[in-house]
Protein backbone atom coordinates (compact mmCIF):
# COMPACT_ATOMS: atom_id res chain seq x y z
CA MET A 1 0.41 -0.11 -0.02
CA THR A 2 2.39 2.96 1.22
CA ARG A 3 5.86 3.17 1.19
CA ASP A 4 6.03 5.72 3.74
CA PRO A 5 8.73 3.85 6.28
CA VAL A 6 7.47 6.18 9.44
CA LEU A 7 4.18 5.18 8.95
CA LYS A 8 5.01 1.60 9.13
CA ILE A 9 7.63 1.70 11.98
CA THR A 10 4.74 3.96 13.82
CA ALA A 11 2.27 1.37 13.13
CA LYS A 12 4.36 -1.56 14.25
CA PHE A 13 5.28 -0.40 17.17
CA LEU A 14 1.04 0.96 17.99
CA ILE A 15 -0.69 -1.67 17.15
CA PRO A 16 0.94 -4.20 19.90
CA LEU A 17 -0.17 -1.08 22.46
CA ILE A 18 -3.56 -1.32 20.56
CA MET A 19 -4.05 -4.34 21.20
CA LEU A 20 -2.88 -4.74 24.71
CA PHE A 21 -5.16 -1.71 25.73
CA ALA A 22 -7.91 -3.60 24.17
CA LEU A 23 -7.57 -6.65 26.18
CA TYR A 24 -7.46 -4.15 29.46
CA VAL A 25 -10.66 -2.72 28.46
CA GLN A 26 -11.69 -6.39 27.70
CA PHE A 27 -10.98 -7.99 31.01
CA HIS A 28 -11.42 -4.72 33.07
CA GLY A 29 -14.71 -3.95 31.87
CA GLU A 30 -16.47 -5.63 35.00
CA TYR A 31 -15.01 -3.31 37.27
CA SER A 32 -14.92 0.17 35.41
CA PRO A 33 -16.26 1.36 32.57
CA GLY A 34 -15.54 -0.85 29.45
CA GLY A 35 -16.16 -4.40 28.49
CA GLY A 36 -16.72 -6.42 25.27
CA PHE A 37 -18.28 -4.19 22.85
CA GLN A 38 -15.51 -1.40 23.55
CA ALA A 39 -12.46 -3.56 23.69
CA GLY A 40 -13.76 -5.30 20.21
CA VAL A 41 -13.83 -1.90 18.37
CA ILE A 42 -10.69 -1.13 20.07
CA PHE A 43 -8.87 -4.49 18.51
CA ALA A 44 -10.75 -3.85 15.26
CA SER A 45 -9.30 -0.50 14.84
CA ALA A 46 -5.18 -2.26 15.02
CA ILE A 47 -6.73 -4.40 12.78
CA ILE A 48 -8.05 -1.99 10.14
CA LEU A 49 -4.61 0.31 10.78
CA TYR A 50 -2.49 -2.81 10.08
CA GLY A 51 -5.10 -2.70 6.43
CA LEU A 52 -4.76 0.62 6.18
CA VAL A 53 -0.58 0.73 6.62
CA PHE A 54 0.32 -2.89 5.28
CA GLY A 55 -2.56 -3.52 2.79
CA VAL A 56 -5.70 -5.49 2.49
CA GLU A 57 -4.14 -8.12 1.17
CA ALA A 58 -1.86 -8.81 4.18
CA ALA A 59 -4.71 -8.13 6.53
CA SER A 60 -6.79 -9.90 4.90
CA ALA A 61 -3.59 -12.94 4.62
CA VAL A 62 -3.06 -12.64 8.46
CA LEU A 63 -7.11 -12.64 9.38
CA PRO A 64 -8.72 -14.68 6.48
CA MET A 65 -12.55 -13.94 5.95
CA SER A 66 -13.41 -17.35 7.00
CA PHE A 67 -11.61 -16.87 10.38
CA LEU A 68 -13.89 -13.89 11.06
CA ILE A 69 -16.90 -15.58 10.15
CA ARG A 70 -16.28 -18.16 12.75
CA GLN A 71 -15.10 -16.18 14.82
CA ALA A 72 -18.26 -14.08 14.75
CA ALA A 73 -20.52 -17.07 15.22
CA ALA A 74 -18.39 -18.20 17.73
CA GLY A 75 -18.78 -15.02 19.77
CA VAL A 76 -22.60 -15.50 19.21
CA LEU A 77 -22.82 -18.93 20.53
CA LEU A 78 -20.73 -18.26 23.79
CA TYR A 79 -23.03 -15.63 24.50
CA GLY A 80 -26.15 -17.66 24.22
CA GLY A 81 -24.16 -20.35 25.39
CA VAL A 82 -23.91 -18.97 28.97
CA GLY A 83 -27.62 -18.19 28.91
CA VAL A 84 -28.58 -21.93 27.77
CA VAL A 85 -26.11 -23.34 30.26
CA SER A 86 -27.70 -20.84 33.22
CA MET A 87 -31.00 -22.26 31.77
CA LEU A 88 -29.96 -25.77 32.19
CA LEU A 89 -28.99 -25.08 35.60
CA GLY A 90 -32.55 -24.43 36.67
CA GLY A 91 -32.32 -20.51 36.29
CA GLN A 92 -33.24 -17.68 33.84
CA PHE A 93 -31.62 -16.67 30.61
CA LEU A 94 -28.17 -15.27 31.96
CA ASN A 95 -28.73 -16.01 34.89
CA TYR A 96 -25.46 -16.01 36.33
CA ASN A 97 -25.63 -16.81 39.67
CA LEU A 98 -25.94 -20.75 39.44
CA LEU A 99 -22.87 -20.72 37.28
CA ALA A 100 -20.74 -21.48 40.24
CA ALA A 101 -21.64 -22.55 43.77
CA ASP A 102 -20.95 -19.20 45.29
CA PRO A 103 -23.54 -16.73 43.32
CA VAL A 104 -20.66 -13.84 43.06
CA SER A 105 -18.41 -16.07 41.67
CA GLY A 106 -20.87 -16.93 39.22
CA GLN A 107 -21.84 -13.38 38.13
CA HIS A 108 -18.11 -12.93 37.59
CA LEU A 109 -17.73 -15.94 35.72
CA GLY A 110 -20.54 -15.08 33.61
CA ILE A 111 -20.08 -11.01 33.01
CA ILE A 112 -16.47 -12.49 31.99
CA LEU A 113 -18.08 -15.49 29.16
CA VAL A 114 -20.80 -12.95 27.85
CA GLU A 115 -18.15 -9.67 27.46
CA LEU A 116 -15.65 -12.29 25.62
CA GLY A 117 -18.35 -13.52 23.74
CA VAL A 118 -19.21 -9.93 22.62
CA GLY A 119 -16.04 -8.71 22.17
CA LEU A 120 -14.98 -11.55 19.38
CA THR A 121 -18.04 -10.85 17.77
CA VAL A 122 -17.64 -6.88 17.72
CA THR A 123 -13.77 -7.87 16.33
CA ALA A 124 -14.89 -10.21 13.73
CA VAL A 125 -17.85 -7.53 12.10
CA MET A 126 -15.77 -4.37 12.32
CA VAL A 127 -13.04 -6.11 10.43
CA ILE A 128 -15.87 -8.22 7.86
CA ILE A 129 -17.16 -4.51 7.32
CA PHE A 130 -13.77 -2.83 6.80
CA PHE A 131 -12.72 -5.51 4.41
CA VAL A 132 -16.02 -5.53 2.26
CA PHE A 133 -15.80 -1.84 2.19
CA ALA A 134 -11.66 -1.81 1.35
CA ASP A 135 -12.95 -4.72 -1.69
CA ARG A 136 -15.55 -2.89 -2.90
CA ASN A 137 -14.07 -1.61 -6.20
CA ARG A 138 -11.88 -4.41 -6.91
CA PRO A 139 -13.15 -6.38 -9.72
C-alpha cells in the first residue's frame, strides 16, 4: 500500500499497544467502564490500522474472511451458550448466579464469558465491514 517507512514503523509500534489496551478494556470492563463492545472496536481498530498501512491483502492474509466469520459465530454462540447453560441449571436466561457454587463467583464468570463473546463478535464484524468496503472497487 504505502511506502512510507515512518508510517510503517509507527504502526508496528502502535498496533501491539492498541491490542494490549483492548485486552485491558476487555478484562477490566467488569470493574470499570468498558467491556466487550468497546474492546472489540479497539481491537478491530488495530487490525484496520494494519490494513490501511500494510494493505488489505496483508491484513486478510493474517485474518482471512472465513476465520472472521467463524469468530463472529463463536462469539454469538458463547454469549448464547452462557444463557442456555444457566437455563439448564434451573435459572432464567443469563442468570449468572447459577454458574458457580457461590453466586458472586457465578456473576464474575458469567460477565467475563458474555463480554468475551461480545468482544469476539464485535471485532470480527468490524473487520469484516472494513474488508468489504476496502474490496468494493476491485474486480
